[in-house]
PDB file of N, CA and C in Angstrom:
ATOM      1  N   TYR A   1      98.663 132.639 135.956  1.00  0.00           N
ATOM      2  CA  TYR A   1      99.187 131.908 134.833  1.00  0.00           C
ATOM      3  C   TYR A   1      99.368 132.859 133.665  1.00  0.00           C
ATOM      4  N   ARG A   2     100.154 132.411 132.695  1.00  0.00           N
ATOM      5  CA  ARG A   2     100.421 133.224 131.513  1.00  0.00           C
ATOM      6  C   ARG A   2     100.631 132.296 130.317  1.00  0.00           C
ATOM      7  N   TYR A   3     100.044 132.654 129.179  1.00  0.00           N
ATOM      8  CA  TYR A   3     100.194 131.848 127.968  1.00  0.00           C
ATOM      9  C   TYR A   3     101.475 132.231 127.243  1.00  0.00           C
ATOM     10  N   SER A   4     102.105 131.230 126.651  1.00  0.00           N
ATOM     11  CA  SER A   4     103.314 131.501 125.871  1.00  0.00           C
ATOM     12  C   SER A   4     102.938 131.920 124.454  1.00  0.00           C
ATOM     13  N   VAL A   5     103.910 132.430 123.746  1.00  0.00           N
ATOM     14  CA  VAL A   5     103.717 132.849 122.369  1.00  0.00           C
ATOM     15  C   VAL A   5     103.476 131.613 121.506  1.00  0.00           C
ATOM     16  N   ILE A   6     102.538 131.717 120.591  1.00  0.00           N
ATOM     17  CA  ILE A   6     102.263 130.604 119.666  1.00  0.00           C
ATOM     18  C   ILE A   6     103.278 130.658 118.541  1.00  0.00           C
ATOM     19  N   ARG A   7     103.919 129.547 118.306  1.00  0.00           N
ATOM     20  CA  ARG A   7     104.934 129.466 117.253  1.00  0.00           C
ATOM     21  C   ARG A   7     104.624 128.286 116.340  1.00  0.00           C
ATOM     22  N   PRO A   8     104.822 128.489 115.029  1.00  0.00           N
ATOM     23  CA  PRO A   8     104.592 127.365 114.108  1.00  0.00           C
ATOM     24  C   PRO A   8     105.718 126.350 114.201  1.00  0.00           C
ATOM     25  N   VAL A   9     105.383 125.115 113.940  1.00  0.00           N
ATOM     26  CA  VAL A   9     106.368 124.052 113.934  1.00  0.00           C
ATOM     27  C   VAL A   9     106.496 123.551 112.498  1.00  0.00           C
ATOM     28  N   VAL A  10     107.697 123.596 111.965  1.00  0.00           N
ATOM     29  CA  VAL A  10     107.943 123.108 110.618  1.00  0.00           C
ATOM     30  C   VAL A  10     108.895 121.932 110.722  1.00  0.00           C
ATOM     31  N   PHE A  11     108.464 120.790 110.248  1.00  0.00           N
ATOM     32  CA  PHE A  11     109.286 119.599 110.288  1.00  0.00           C
ATOM     33  C   PHE A  11     110.208 119.593 109.082  1.00  0.00           C
ATOM     34  N   SER A  12     111.422 119.106 109.264  1.00  0.00           N
ATOM     35  CA  SER A  12     112.405 119.120 108.188  1.00  0.00           C
ATOM     36  C   SER A  12     112.238 117.945 107.233  1.00  0.00           C
ATOM     37  N   ASP A  13     111.398 116.977 107.581  1.00  0.00           N
ATOM     38  CA  ASP A  13     111.179 115.857 106.680  1.00  0.00           C
ATOM     39  C   ASP A  13     110.492 116.350 105.416  1.00  0.00           C
ATOM     40  N   LYS A  14     110.968 115.868 104.299  1.00  0.00           N
ATOM     41  CA  LYS A  14     110.357 116.233 103.026  1.00  0.00           C
ATOM     42  C   LYS A  14     109.020 115.519 102.895  1.00  0.00           C
ATOM     43  N   ILE A  15     108.006 116.258 102.447  1.00  0.00           N
ATOM     44  CA  ILE A  15     106.728 115.606 102.214  1.00  0.00           C
ATOM     45  C   ILE A  15     106.734 115.001 100.820  1.00  0.00           C
ATOM     46  N   THR A  16     105.853 114.080 100.617  1.00  0.00           N
ATOM     47  CA  THR A  16     105.697 113.481  99.307  1.00  0.00           C
ATOM     48  C   THR A  16     104.839 114.413  98.470  1.00  0.00           C
ATOM     49  N   TRP A  17     105.324 114.767  97.301  1.00  0.00           N
ATOM     50  CA  TRP A  17     104.537 115.590  96.386  1.00  0.00           C
ATOM     51  C   TRP A  17     103.383 114.732  95.903  1.00  0.00           C
ATOM     52  N   LEU A  18     102.222 115.318  95.780  1.00  0.00           N
ATOM     53  CA  LEU A  18     101.028 114.553  95.487  1.00  0.00           C
ATOM     54  C   LEU A  18     100.119 115.339  94.558  1.00  0.00           C
ATOM     55  N   VAL A  19      99.558 114.669  93.558  1.00  0.00           N
ATOM     56  CA  VAL A  19      98.536 115.260  92.688  1.00  0.00           C
ATOM     57  C   VAL A  19      97.320 114.342  92.742  1.00  0.00           C
ATOM     58  N   TYR A  20      96.166 114.930  93.035  1.00  0.00           N
ATOM     59  CA  TYR A  20      94.929 114.143  93.123  1.00  0.00           C
ATOM     60  C   TYR A  20      93.750 115.005  92.743  1.00  0.00           C
ATOM     61  N   PRO A  21      92.605 114.527  92.379  1.00  0.00           N
ATOM     62  CA  PRO A  21      92.358 113.166  91.907  1.00  0.00           C
ATOM     63  C   PRO A  21      92.973 112.990  90.518  1.00  0.00           C
ATOM     64  N   ASN A  22      93.299 111.798  90.209  1.00  0.00           N
ATOM     65  CA  ASN A  22      93.919 111.523  88.918  1.00  0.00           C
ATOM     66  C   ASN A  22      93.500 110.131  88.484  1.00  0.00           C
ATOM     67  N   PRO A  23      92.633 109.976  87.502  1.00  0.00           N
ATOM     68  CA  PRO A  23      92.157 110.960  86.526  1.00  0.00           C
ATOM     69  C   PRO A  23      91.087 111.882  87.110  1.00  0.00           C
ATOM     70  N   SER A  24      90.848 112.973  86.351  1.00  0.00           N
ATOM     71  CA  SER A  24      89.887 113.984  86.777  1.00  0.00           C
ATOM     72  C   SER A  24      89.231 114.589  85.539  1.00  0.00           C
ATOM     73  N   LYS A  25      88.153 115.311  85.764  1.00  0.00           N
ATOM     74  CA  LYS A  25      87.491 116.014  84.664  1.00  0.00           C
ATOM     75  C   LYS A  25      88.166 117.354  84.375  1.00  0.00           C
ATOM     76  N   GLY A  26      89.213 117.685  85.131  1.00  0.00           N
ATOM     77  CA  GLY A  26      89.960 118.909  84.839  1.00  0.00           C
ATOM     78  C   GLY A  26      90.486 119.671  86.035  1.00  0.00           C
ATOM     79  N   ILE A  27      89.986 119.398  87.231  1.00  0.00           N
ATOM     80  CA  ILE A  27      90.470 120.084  88.432  1.00  0.00           C
ATOM     81  C   ILE A  27      91.362 119.112  89.203  1.00  0.00           C
ATOM     82  N   PHE A  28      92.650 119.487  89.345  1.00  0.00           N
ATOM     83  CA  PHE A  28      93.626 118.666  90.058  1.00  0.00           C
ATOM     84  C   PHE A  28      94.167 119.460  91.239  1.00  0.00           C
ATOM     85  N   ASN A  29      94.499 118.789  92.319  1.00  0.00           N
ATOM     86  CA  ASN A  29      95.111 119.405  93.497  1.00  0.00           C
ATOM     87  C   ASN A  29      96.557 118.954  93.592  1.00  0.00           C
ATOM     88  N   LEU A  30      97.458 119.902  93.761  1.00  0.00           N
ATOM     89  CA  LEU A  30      98.878 119.619  93.936  1.00  0.00           C
ATOM     90  C   LEU A  30      99.253 119.961  95.366  1.00  0.00           C
ATOM     91  N   VAL A  31      99.740 118.978  96.111  1.00  0.00           N
ATOM     92  CA  VAL A  31     100.184 119.191  97.487  1.00  0.00           C
ATOM     93  C   VAL A  31     101.705 119.205  97.477  1.00  0.00           C
ATOM     94  N   PHE A  32     102.296 120.268  98.062  1.00  0.00           N
ATOM     95  CA  PHE A  32     103.745 120.422  98.036  1.00  0.00           C
ATOM     96  C   PHE A  32     104.224 121.196  99.258  1.00  0.00           C
ATOM     97  N   GLN A  33     105.533 121.180  99.453  1.00  0.00           N
ATOM     98  CA  GLN A  33     106.142 121.978 100.506  1.00  0.00           C
ATOM     99  C   GLN A  33     107.529 122.397 100.042  1.00  0.00           C
ATOM    100  N   GLN A  34     107.800 123.685 100.124  1.00  0.00           N
ATOM    101  CA  GLN A  34     109.117 124.231  99.822  1.00  0.00           C
ATOM    102  C   GLN A  34     109.446 125.286 100.859  1.00  0.00           C
ATOM    103  N   ASP A  35     110.712 125.698 100.892  1.00  0.00           N
ATOM    104  CA  ASP A  35     111.138 126.708 101.853  1.00  0.00           C
ATOM    105  C   ASP A  35     110.415 128.030 101.614  1.00  0.00           C
ATOM    106  N   GLU A  36     110.209 128.763 102.681  1.00  0.00           N
ATOM    107  CA  GLU A  36     109.503 130.035 102.618  1.00  0.00           C
ATOM    108  C   GLU A  36     110.168 130.982 101.628  1.00  0.00           C
ATOM    109  N   GLY A  37     109.356 131.599 100.787  1.00  0.00           N
ATOM    110  CA  GLY A  37     109.842 132.581  99.816  1.00  0.00           C
ATOM    111  C   GLY A  37     110.264 131.995  98.486  1.00  0.00           C
ATOM    112  N   GLU A  38     110.465 130.691  98.408  1.00  0.00           N
ATOM    113  CA  GLU A  38     110.832 130.080  97.128  1.00  0.00           C
ATOM    114  C   GLU A  38     109.651 130.144  96.169  1.00  0.00           C
ATOM    115  N   ILE A  39     109.965 130.284  94.895  1.00  0.00           N
ATOM    116  CA  ILE A  39     108.935 130.322  93.866  1.00  0.00           C
ATOM    117  C   ILE A  39     108.835 128.946  93.222  1.00  0.00           C
ATOM    118  N   LEU A  40     107.650 128.382  93.239  1.00  0.00           N
ATOM    119  CA  LEU A  40     107.394 127.112  92.563  1.00  0.00           C
ATOM    120  C   LEU A  40     106.781 127.437  91.209  1.00  0.00           C
ATOM    121  N   ASN A  41     107.470 127.046  90.153  1.00  0.00           N
ATOM    122  CA  ASN A  41     106.970 127.247  88.797  1.00  0.00           C
ATOM    123  C   ASN A  41     106.360 125.940  88.322  1.00  0.00           C
ATOM    124  N   ILE A  42     105.070 125.989  88.018  1.00  0.00           N
ATOM    125  CA  ILE A  42     104.347 124.811  87.549  1.00  0.00           C
ATOM    126  C   ILE A  42     104.140 124.957  86.049  1.00  0.00           C
ATOM    127  N   ARG A  43     104.658 124.006  85.291  1.00  0.00           N
ATOM    128  CA  ARG A  43     104.495 124.020  83.833  1.00  0.00           C
ATOM    129  C   ARG A  43     103.735 122.768  83.420  1.00  0.00           C
ATOM    130  N   ILE A  44     102.714 122.969  82.604  1.00  0.00           N
ATOM    131  CA  ILE A  44     101.872 121.867  82.165  1.00  0.00           C
ATOM    132  C   ILE A  44     102.016 121.731  80.653  1.00  0.00           C
ATOM    133  N   PHE A  45     102.353 120.521  80.225  1.00  0.00           N
ATOM    134  CA  PHE A  45     102.562 120.224  78.819  1.00  0.00           C
ATOM    135  C   PHE A  45     101.545 119.199  78.359  1.00  0.00           C
ATOM    136  N   TYR A  46     101.092 119.354  77.103  1.00  0.00           N
ATOM    137  CA  TYR A  46     100.299 118.297  76.505  1.00  0.00           C
ATOM    138  C   TYR A  46     101.255 117.176  76.153  1.00  0.00           C
ATOM    139  N   VAL A  47     100.738 115.994  75.906  1.00  0.00           N
ATOM    140  CA  VAL A  47     101.566 114.809  75.680  1.00  0.00           C
ATOM    141  C   VAL A  47     102.541 114.994  74.505  1.00  0.00           C
ATOM    142  N   ASN A  48     102.227 115.896  73.563  1.00  0.00           N
ATOM    143  CA  ASN A  48     103.115 116.121  72.421  1.00  0.00           C
ATOM    144  C   ASN A  48     104.248 117.102  72.748  1.00  0.00           C
ATOM    145  N   GLY A  49     104.316 117.586  73.991  1.00  0.00           N
ATOM    146  CA  GLY A  49     105.392 118.477  74.410  1.00  0.00           C
ATOM    147  C   GLY A  49     105.060 119.953  74.355  1.00  0.00           C
ATOM    148  N   LYS A  50     103.872 120.307  73.904  1.00  0.00           N
ATOM    149  CA  LYS A  50     103.461 121.710  73.798  1.00  0.00           C
ATOM    150  C   LYS A  50     103.077 122.251  75.176  1.00  0.00           C
ATOM    151  N   LEU A  51     103.681 123.396  75.555  1.00  0.00           N
ATOM    152  CA  LEU A  51     103.355 124.043  76.822  1.00  0.00           C
ATOM    153  C   LEU A  51     101.949 124.629  76.717  1.00  0.00           C
ATOM    154  N   VAL A  52     101.060 124.228  77.630  1.00  0.00           N
ATOM    155  CA  VAL A  52      99.678 124.705  77.574  1.00  0.00           C
ATOM    156  C   VAL A  52      99.310 125.626  78.735  1.00  0.00           C
ATOM    157  N   LYS A  53     100.069 125.575  79.824  1.00  0.00           N
ATOM    158  CA  LYS A  53      99.746 126.423  80.977  1.00  0.00           C
ATOM    159  C   LYS A  53     100.963 126.525  81.880  1.00  0.00           C
ATOM    160  N   GLN A  54     101.073 127.675  82.543  1.00  0.00           N
ATOM    161  CA  GLN A  54     102.174 127.891  83.470  1.00  0.00           C
ATOM    162  C   GLN A  54     101.670 128.772  84.604  1.00  0.00           C
ATOM    163  N   GLN A  55     102.088 128.469  85.836  1.00  0.00           N
ATOM    164  CA  GLN A  55     101.727 129.312  86.965  1.00  0.00           C
ATOM    165  C   GLN A  55     102.840 129.278  88.003  1.00  0.00           C
ATOM    166  N   ASP A  56     102.973 130.386  88.723  1.00  0.00           N
ATOM    167  CA  ASP A  56     103.975 130.513  89.779  1.00  0.00           C
ATOM    168  C   ASP A  56     103.279 130.657  91.121  1.00  0.00           C
ATOM    169  N   ILE A  57     103.849 130.002  92.133  1.00  0.00           N
ATOM    170  CA  ILE A  57     103.318 130.079  93.493  1.00  0.00           C
ATOM    171  C   ILE A  57     104.481 130.342  94.439  1.00  0.00           C
ATOM    172  N   THR A  58     104.309 131.293  95.359  1.00  0.00           N
ATOM    173  CA  THR A  58     105.314 131.571  96.373  1.00  0.00           C
ATOM    174  C   THR A  58     105.074 130.659  97.566  1.00  0.00           C
ATOM    175  N   ALA A  59     106.102 129.913  97.935  1.00  0.00           N
ATOM    176  CA  ALA A  59     105.982 128.946  99.027  1.00  0.00           C
ATOM    177  C   ALA A  59     105.985 129.638 100.394  1.00  0.00           C
ATOM    178  N   THR A  60     105.314 129.013 101.349  1.00  0.00           N
ATOM    179  CA  THR A  60     105.216 129.552 102.706  1.00  0.00           C
ATOM    180  C   THR A  60     106.110 128.815 103.693  1.00  0.00           C
ATOM    181  N   GLY A  61     106.679 127.688 103.267  1.00  0.00           N
ATOM    182  CA  GLY A  61     107.461 126.866 104.178  1.00  0.00           C
ATOM    183  C   GLY A  61     106.642 125.753 104.806  1.00  0.00           C
ATOM    184  N   PHE A  62     105.333 125.840 104.647  1.00  0.00           N
ATOM    185  CA  PHE A  62     104.427 124.829 105.169  1.00  0.00           C
ATOM    186  C   PHE A  62     103.865 124.014 104.017  1.00  0.00           C
ATOM    187  N   GLU A  63     103.175 122.950 104.339  1.00  0.00           N
ATOM    188  CA  GLU A  63     102.497 122.179 103.309  1.00  0.00           C
ATOM    189  C   GLU A  63     101.409 123.044 102.681  1.00  0.00           C
ATOM    190  N   GLN A  64     101.376 123.084 101.354  1.00  0.00           N
ATOM    191  CA  GLN A  64     100.418 123.906 100.636  1.00  0.00           C
ATOM    192  C   GLN A  64      99.681 123.073  99.599  1.00  0.00           C
ATOM    193  N   LYS A  65      98.542 123.591  99.173  1.00  0.00           N
ATOM    194  CA  LYS A  65      97.790 122.949  98.103  1.00  0.00           C
ATOM    195  C   LYS A  65      97.531 123.978  97.020  1.00  0.00           C
ATOM    196  N   ALA A  66      97.875 123.626  95.781  1.00  0.00           N
ATOM    197  CA  ALA A  66      97.610 124.477  94.626  1.00  0.00           C
ATOM    198  C   ALA A  66      96.617 123.759  93.730  1.00  0.00           C
ATOM    199  N   ILE A  67      95.770 124.523  93.082  1.00  0.00           N
ATOM    200  CA  ILE A  67      94.790 123.947  92.173  1.00  0.00           C
ATOM    201  C   ILE A  67      95.285 124.118  90.742  1.00  0.00           C
ATOM    202  N   ILE A  68      95.290 123.018  90.014  1.00  0.00           N
ATOM    203  CA  ILE A  68      95.610 123.033  88.591  1.00  0.00           C
ATOM    204  C   ILE A  68      94.285 122.856  87.860  1.00  0.00           C
ATOM    205  N   ASP A  69      93.878 123.894  87.147  1.00  0.00           N
ATOM    206  CA  ASP A  69      92.565 123.899  86.497  1.00  0.00           C
ATOM    207  C   ASP A  69      92.710 123.685  84.996  1.00  0.00           C
ATOM    208  N   LEU A  70      92.340 122.505  84.545  1.00  0.00           N
ATOM    209  CA  LEU A  70      92.324 122.176  83.118  1.00  0.00           C
ATOM    210  C   LEU A  70      90.900 121.870  82.671  1.00  0.00           C
ATOM    211  N   SER A  71      89.912 122.444  83.363  1.00  0.00           N
ATOM    212  CA  SER A  71      88.518 122.123  83.093  1.00  0.00           C
ATOM    213  C   SER A  71      87.951 122.835  81.877  1.00  0.00           C
ATOM    214  N   SER A  72      88.611 123.872  81.404  1.00  0.00           N
ATOM    215  CA  SER A  72      88.130 124.608  80.240  1.00  0.00           C
ATOM    216  C   SER A  72      88.123 123.710  79.005  1.00  0.00           C
ATOM    217  N   PRO A  73      87.153 123.922  78.117  1.00  0.00           N
ATOM    218  CA  PRO A  73      87.102 123.112  76.889  1.00  0.00           C
ATOM    219  C   PRO A  73      88.329 123.287  75.980  1.00  0.00           C
ATOM    220  N   ILE A  74      89.127 124.323  76.200  1.00  0.00           N
ATOM    221  CA  ILE A  74      90.329 124.494  75.362  1.00  0.00           C
ATOM    222  C   ILE A  74      91.377 123.421  75.661  1.00  0.00           C
ATOM    223  N   TYR A  75      91.244 122.768  76.820  1.00  0.00           N
ATOM    224  CA  TYR A  75      92.151 121.676  77.175  1.00  0.00           C
ATOM    225  C   TYR A  75      91.465 120.355  76.831  1.00  0.00           C
ATOM    226  N   ALA A  76      91.992 119.675  75.838  1.00  0.00           N
ATOM    227  CA  ALA A  76      91.399 118.417  75.371  1.00  0.00           C
ATOM    228  C   ALA A  76      91.567 117.314  76.405  1.00  0.00           C
ATOM    229  N   SER A  77      90.720 116.331  76.329  1.00  0.00           N
ATOM    230  CA  SER A  77      90.869 115.140  77.171  1.00  0.00           C
ATOM    231  C   SER A  77      92.142 114.418  76.755  1.00  0.00           C
ATOM    232  N   GLY A  78      92.799 113.808  77.717  1.00  0.00           N
ATOM    233  CA  GLY A  78      94.014 113.067  77.417  1.00  0.00           C
ATOM    234  C   GLY A  78      95.033 113.208  78.522  1.00  0.00           C
ATOM    235  N   MET A  79      96.285 112.893  78.195  1.00  0.00           N
ATOM    236  CA  MET A  79      97.356 112.917  79.179  1.00  0.00           C
ATOM    237  C   MET A  79      98.131 114.226  79.098  1.00  0.00           C
ATOM    238  N   TYR A  80      98.468 114.785  80.261  1.00  0.00           N
ATOM    239  CA  TYR A  80      99.287 115.981  80.384  1.00  0.00           C
ATOM    240  C   TYR A  80     100.460 115.662  81.300  1.00  0.00           C
ATOM    241  N   LEU A  81     101.548 116.383  81.131  1.00  0.00           N
ATOM    242  CA  LEU A  81     102.712 116.254  82.012  1.00  0.00           C
ATOM    243  C   LEU A  81     102.864 117.540  82.799  1.00  0.00           C
ATOM    244  N   VAL A  82     103.101 117.420  84.086  1.00  0.00           N
ATOM    245  CA  VAL A  82     103.323 118.575  84.957  1.00  0.00           C
ATOM    246  C   VAL A  82     104.767 118.531  85.426  1.00  0.00           C
ATOM    247  N   GLN A  83     105.515 119.610  85.155  1.00  0.00           N
ATOM    248  CA  GLN A  83     106.894 119.728  85.633  1.00  0.00           C
ATOM    249  C   GLN A  83     106.947 120.849  86.657  1.00  0.00           C
ATOM    250  N   LEU A  84     107.666 120.589  87.743  1.00  0.00           N
ATOM    251  CA  LEU A  84     107.782 121.548  88.831  1.00  0.00           C
ATOM    252  C   LEU A  84     109.218 122.013  88.946  1.00  0.00           C
ATOM    253  N   SER A  85     109.438 123.324  88.936  1.00  0.00           N
ATOM    254  CA  SER A  85     110.794 123.836  89.114  1.00  0.00           C
ATOM    255  C   SER A  85     111.200 123.683  90.565  1.00  0.00           C
ATOM    256  N   GLY A  86     112.493 123.581  90.805  1.00  0.00           N
ATOM    257  CA  GLY A  86     112.973 123.432  92.165  1.00  0.00           C
ATOM    258  C   GLY A  86     112.920 122.005  92.667  1.00  0.00           C
ATOM    259  N   SER A  87     112.449 121.111  91.830  1.00  0.00           N
ATOM    260  CA  SER A  87     112.428 119.702  92.202  1.00  0.00           C
ATOM    261  C   SER A  87     112.576 118.888  90.923  1.00  0.00           C
ATOM    262  N   GLU A  88     112.793 117.640  91.097  1.00  0.00           N
ATOM    263  CA  GLU A  88     112.915 116.754  89.943  1.00  0.00           C
ATOM    264  C   GLU A  88     111.598 116.026  89.686  1.00  0.00           C
ATOM    265  N   GLU A  89     110.520 116.574  90.202  1.00  0.00           N
ATOM    266  CA  GLU A  89     109.223 115.915  90.114  1.00  0.00           C
ATOM    267  C   GLU A  89     108.538 116.181  88.774  1.00  0.00           C
ATOM    268  N   THR A  90     108.008 115.127  88.173  1.00  0.00           N
ATOM    269  CA  THR A  90     107.162 115.209  86.983  1.00  0.00           C
ATOM    270  C   THR A  90     105.990 114.278  87.209  1.00  0.00           C
ATOM    271  N   PHE A  91     104.797 114.791  86.932  1.00  0.00           N
ATOM    272  CA  PHE A  91     103.585 114.008  87.139  1.00  0.00           C
ATOM    273  C   PHE A  91     102.829 113.872  85.827  1.00  0.00           C
ATOM    274  N   LYS A  92     102.148 112.761  85.672  1.00  0.00           N
ATOM    275  CA  LYS A  92     101.241 112.559  84.553  1.00  0.00           C
ATOM    276  C   LYS A  92      99.833 112.828  85.057  1.00  0.00           C
ATOM    277  N   LEU A  93      99.104 113.681  84.340  1.00  0.00           N
ATOM    278  CA  LEU A  93      97.716 113.950  84.654  1.00  0.00           C
ATOM    279  C   LEU A  93      96.856 113.383  83.546  1.00  0.00           C
ATOM    280  N   TYR A  94      95.740 112.806  83.924  1.00  0.00           N
ATOM    281  CA  TYR A  94      94.818 112.245  82.953  1.00  0.00           C
ATOM    282  C   TYR A  94      93.489 112.999  83.060  1.00  0.00           C
ATOM    283  N   LYS A  95      93.203 113.785  82.016  1.00  0.00           N
ATOM    284  CA  LYS A  95      91.930 114.511  81.980  1.00  0.00           C
ATOM    285  C   LYS A  95      90.912 113.659  81.234  1.00  0.00           C
ATOM    286  N   GLN A  96      89.759 113.462  81.851  1.00  0.00           N
ATOM    287  CA  GLN A  96      88.708 112.652  81.236  1.00  0.00           C
ATOM    288  C   GLN A  96      87.908 113.480  80.262  1.00  0.00           C
TER     289      GLN A  96
END
């Protein structure tokens, strides 16, 4: 007998973008999927529109999880907006 080469399977169905837990004390998980090599730009705004954090992640083509860390005391409790480049997704985050 002989084993075949292991190959990854990527489904073409779009996954639902997800942020959890929400509300949180400051640590949020973002679940996403984009084509391999694409750059996902995550921008976080305070409710008044002020940009408070930005991070870039290179996509692998598979479902990924990114951590959004707003646990530092410099980030006040309240509502934040997360905008993702490459998609029309915007999420509301509630920091306790």
